[in-house]
Structure formats: C-alpha cells, structure tokens
Protein backbone atom coordinates (compact mmCIF):
# COMPACT_ATOMS: atom_id res chain seq x y z
CA UNK A 1 -21.97 15.62 27.03
CA UNK A 2 -21.33 16.02 30.76
CA UNK A 3 -24.37 17.58 31.27
CA UNK A 4 -26.46 14.31 29.97
CA UNK A 5 -24.37 12.33 32.43
CA UNK A 6 -25.51 14.86 35.36
CA UNK A 7 -29.16 14.41 34.18
CA UNK A 8 -29.00 10.65 33.75
CA UNK A 9 -27.72 10.24 37.10
CA UNK A 10 -30.20 8.53 38.63
CA UNK A 11 -30.89 5.79 35.96
CA UNK A 12 -29.90 2.05 36.77
CA UNK A 13 -26.42 1.30 35.18
CA UNK A 14 -25.62 -1.86 33.36
CA UNK A 15 -21.88 -3.39 32.88
CA UNK A 16 -20.89 -4.92 29.53
CA UNK A 17 -18.02 -6.87 28.93
CA UNK A 18 -15.91 -7.44 25.80
CA UNK A 19 -18.17 -8.55 22.75
CA UNK A 20 -21.55 -8.02 24.59
CA UNK A 21 -23.92 -6.81 22.22
CA UNK A 22 -26.03 -3.88 23.55
CA UNK A 23 -28.51 -3.62 20.46
CA UNK A 24 -28.82 -5.45 16.84
CA UNK A 25 -29.70 -3.58 14.00
CA UNK A 26 -33.06 -4.21 12.79
CA UNK A 27 -34.57 -5.24 16.13
CA UNK A 28 -37.23 -3.40 18.35
CA UNK A 29 -36.80 -1.78 21.70
CA UNK A 30 -37.50 1.27 23.67
CA UNK A 31 -34.39 1.38 25.59
CA UNK A 32 -31.86 4.40 25.61
CA UNK A 33 -28.62 4.08 27.00
CA UNK A 34 -25.92 6.91 28.03
CA UNK A 35 -22.21 5.55 28.04
CA UNK A 36 -20.59 6.10 31.22
CA UNK A 37 -17.19 4.49 30.41
CA UNK A 38 -15.92 2.06 27.97
CA UNK A 39 -15.93 1.60 24.46
CA UNK A 40 -18.79 0.81 21.77
CA UNK A 41 -18.32 -0.40 18.36
CA UNK A 42 -21.06 0.48 16.04
CA UNK A 43 -21.74 -1.20 12.84
CA UNK A 44 -24.35 -1.16 10.25
CA UNK A 45 -25.29 -3.66 7.55
CA UNK A 46 -22.12 -5.80 8.73
CA UNK A 47 -19.79 -2.76 8.11
CA UNK A 48 -17.89 -1.29 11.09
CA UNK A 49 -18.83 2.67 11.26
CA UNK A 50 -17.15 3.88 14.26
CA UNK A 51 -16.28 3.21 17.81
CA UNK A 52 -17.83 5.23 20.55
CA UNK A 53 -15.93 6.10 24.01
CA UNK A 54 -17.10 9.61 24.89
CA UNK A 55 -18.95 9.51 28.31
CA UNK A 56 -22.43 10.77 27.74
CA UNK A 57 -22.96 9.42 24.41
CA UNK A 58 -26.65 8.11 23.76
CA UNK A 59 -27.56 4.92 22.32
CA UNK A 60 -30.72 3.81 20.87
CA UNK A 61 -31.76 7.62 20.61
CA UNK A 62 -32.52 7.52 16.84
CA UNK A 63 -34.74 4.46 16.86
CA UNK A 64 -36.82 6.13 19.84
CA UNK A 65 -37.16 9.22 17.78
CA UNK A 66 -38.04 7.66 14.51
CA UNK A 67 -40.15 5.29 16.03
CA UNK A 68 -38.22 2.56 13.98
CA UNK A 69 -36.09 -0.55 14.83
CA UNK A 70 -32.57 -0.13 16.05
CA UNK A 71 -30.46 1.30 12.92
CA UNK A 72 -26.97 -0.47 13.88
CA UNK A 73 -25.55 -3.00 15.99
CA UNK A 74 -23.84 -2.01 19.22
CA UNK A 75 -21.27 -4.32 20.41
CA UNK A 76 -18.88 -3.62 23.64
CA UNK A 77 -15.49 -3.18 22.54
CA UNK A 78 -14.07 -3.08 25.90
CA UNK A 79 -15.71 -3.11 29.59
CA UNK A 80 -18.40 -0.71 29.57
CA UNK A 81 -20.94 1.01 31.86
CA UNK A 82 -24.41 2.47 30.72
CA UNK A 83 -27.12 4.08 32.23
CA UNK A 84 -30.32 2.35 30.85
CA UNK A 85 -33.99 3.85 30.62
CA UNK A 86 -35.90 0.97 29.93
CA UNK A 87 -38.54 2.96 28.47
CA UNK A 88 -36.70 5.52 26.59
CA UNK A 89 -39.88 7.17 25.21
CA UNK A 90 -41.18 7.75 28.69
CA UNK A 91 -37.61 9.58 29.62
CA UNK A 92 -37.77 12.06 26.61
CA UNK A 93 -41.35 13.01 27.41
CA UNK A 94 -40.71 13.42 30.82
CA UNK A 95 -37.24 15.31 30.75
CA UNK A 96 -37.42 17.86 28.17
CA UNK A 97 -33.66 19.10 28.82
CA UNK A 98 -32.57 15.30 28.21
CA UNK A 99 -34.46 15.66 24.85
CA UNK A 100 -32.57 18.71 24.07
CA UNK A 101 -29.17 17.41 24.84
CA UNK A 102 -29.87 14.41 22.78
CA UNK A 103 -31.23 16.59 19.81
CA UNK A 104 -28.09 18.86 20.12
CA UNK A 105 -25.93 15.76 19.69
CA UNK A 106 -27.66 14.47 16.78
CA UNK A 107 -27.40 17.99 15.24
CA UNK A 108 -23.67 17.84 16.06
CA UNK A 109 -23.52 14.82 14.10
CA UNK A 110 -25.49 15.87 11.28
CA UNK A 111 -23.31 19.03 10.80
CA UNK A 112 -20.13 17.01 11.00
CA UNK A 113 -21.37 14.59 8.14
CA UNK A 114 -22.72 17.24 5.93
CA UNK A 115 -19.25 19.12 6.17
CA UNK A 116 -17.39 15.93 5.59
CA UNK A 117 -19.39 15.55 2.65
CA UNK A 118 -18.79 19.18 1.55
CA UNK A 119 -15.17 18.74 1.92
CA UNK A 120 -15.15 15.60 -0.14
CA UNK A 121 -17.08 17.81 -2.91
CA UNK A 122 -14.44 20.45 -2.86
CA UNK A 123 -11.70 17.93 -2.60
CA UNK A 124 -12.65 15.69 -5.31
CA UNK A 125 -15.58 17.62 -7.35
CA UNK A 126 -17.31 15.20 -9.36
CA UNK A 127 -14.95 12.23 -9.76
CA UNK A 128 -16.50 8.76 -10.53
CA UNK A 129 -18.04 7.15 -7.48
CA UNK A 130 -18.63 10.69 -5.92
CA UNK A 131 -21.10 12.31 -8.16
CA UNK A 132 -23.88 11.37 -5.58
CA UNK A 133 -22.44 13.74 -3.12
CA UNK A 134 -24.43 16.89 -4.46
CA UNK A 135 -27.73 14.61 -3.99
CA UNK A 136 -26.80 13.27 -0.66
CA UNK A 137 -26.05 16.88 0.80
CA UNK A 138 -29.56 18.10 -0.82
CA UNK A 139 -30.98 15.07 1.22
CA UNK A 140 -29.46 15.69 4.16
CA UNK A 141 -30.02 19.74 4.41
CA UNK A 142 -33.87 19.72 2.95
CA UNK A 143 -35.37 16.35 3.80
CA UNK A 144 -38.63 17.19 5.16
CA UNK A 145 -40.63 14.14 3.34
CA UNK A 146 -41.45 10.98 4.03
CA UNK A 147 -39.67 8.59 6.37
CA UNK A 148 -36.35 7.25 4.90
CA UNK A 149 -35.80 3.77 3.73
CA UNK A 150 -32.35 2.18 4.64
CA UNK A 151 -30.94 0.93 1.48
CA UNK A 152 -29.27 2.11 -1.81
CA UNK A 153 -30.18 2.12 -5.34
CA UNK A 154 -26.38 1.59 -6.47
CA UNK A 155 -25.53 -1.37 -8.15
CA UNK A 156 -24.74 -3.98 -5.24
CA UNK A 157 -21.76 -5.56 -6.85
CA UNK A 158 -19.96 -2.74 -8.98
CA UNK A 159 -16.99 -3.60 -11.06
CA UNK A 160 -14.48 -1.65 -9.20
C-alpha cells in the first residue's frame, strides 16, 4: 500500500498513544484514516480480531462504503501515526485512485477470507461446528442482496 501512502501524503496526521481508541464499534462517523506507522488492535463484539501494523492500511473504509456505523473498535497497541480525512466520503469521491486502492485492499481481504474458509473445508470437511462453512462461502461469493445485518442465528451459549 505504498501507493496509498503516497496519494494521501497531503492529509493531516494524528498521533495515538498506546490505549487510545480511534473508533468504537457501532458509533457513526465520516472519517477515513491511513496508518503511517504503529500498531492498531481491531476487535469486534468484544473479541480481538487482528492487529494492523502495515503502513498504508485503511481504517474506516468499510463504514464509509456501506454508509453504516463503524464495524469494529480500533485501539492503538503502540504509538501510532495516521493520516486523517475528516470527510472520508468526499475524499473517496474526489480521488478515484484512492478509492481504487481501497477497493483493491478490500478485495485482497475478501480473497484471503474465502481462501481460508475453503482451506478449512478441505481440511475438516463437514465436521461438527464447521458445517456452515459452505453457506458462508456461498454468501461471500454471491452476495448481492440487501445490506448484511451483523449477528448470528447460532445458539448464543452452546454446550461445547
């Protein structure tokens, strides 16, 4: 994502200290951030998902593109510097090259997720608890319907 860093060089930068929260899941906002340096921890529904330390990673892009509240909580895990577009939608409309780079990043993540799920299916087949992998893959590869709703229809407190 060196190109995304190059194309956002004119944006103002903000600094986060360890433990500072950038965005909270469920809150609304129009910001878009590009990581310059540092580490960010991502959690969803209180569960740690991943850490991001790759310069050029975008934060807030999913919410902007879906016109929805933030889909995860992002907290600095190390001192971090980010470029910030307060009106991320305006930036995406005015800079098609940035939009294309963000779309490519999202496509890479979707490809990784679907490849991972296919690998799980190959390794474990229809083992209990993984039978839903085929349905998830189908939804990921063919979804073109109404907006997705977060949540699950699974038993919230299974016996395992």
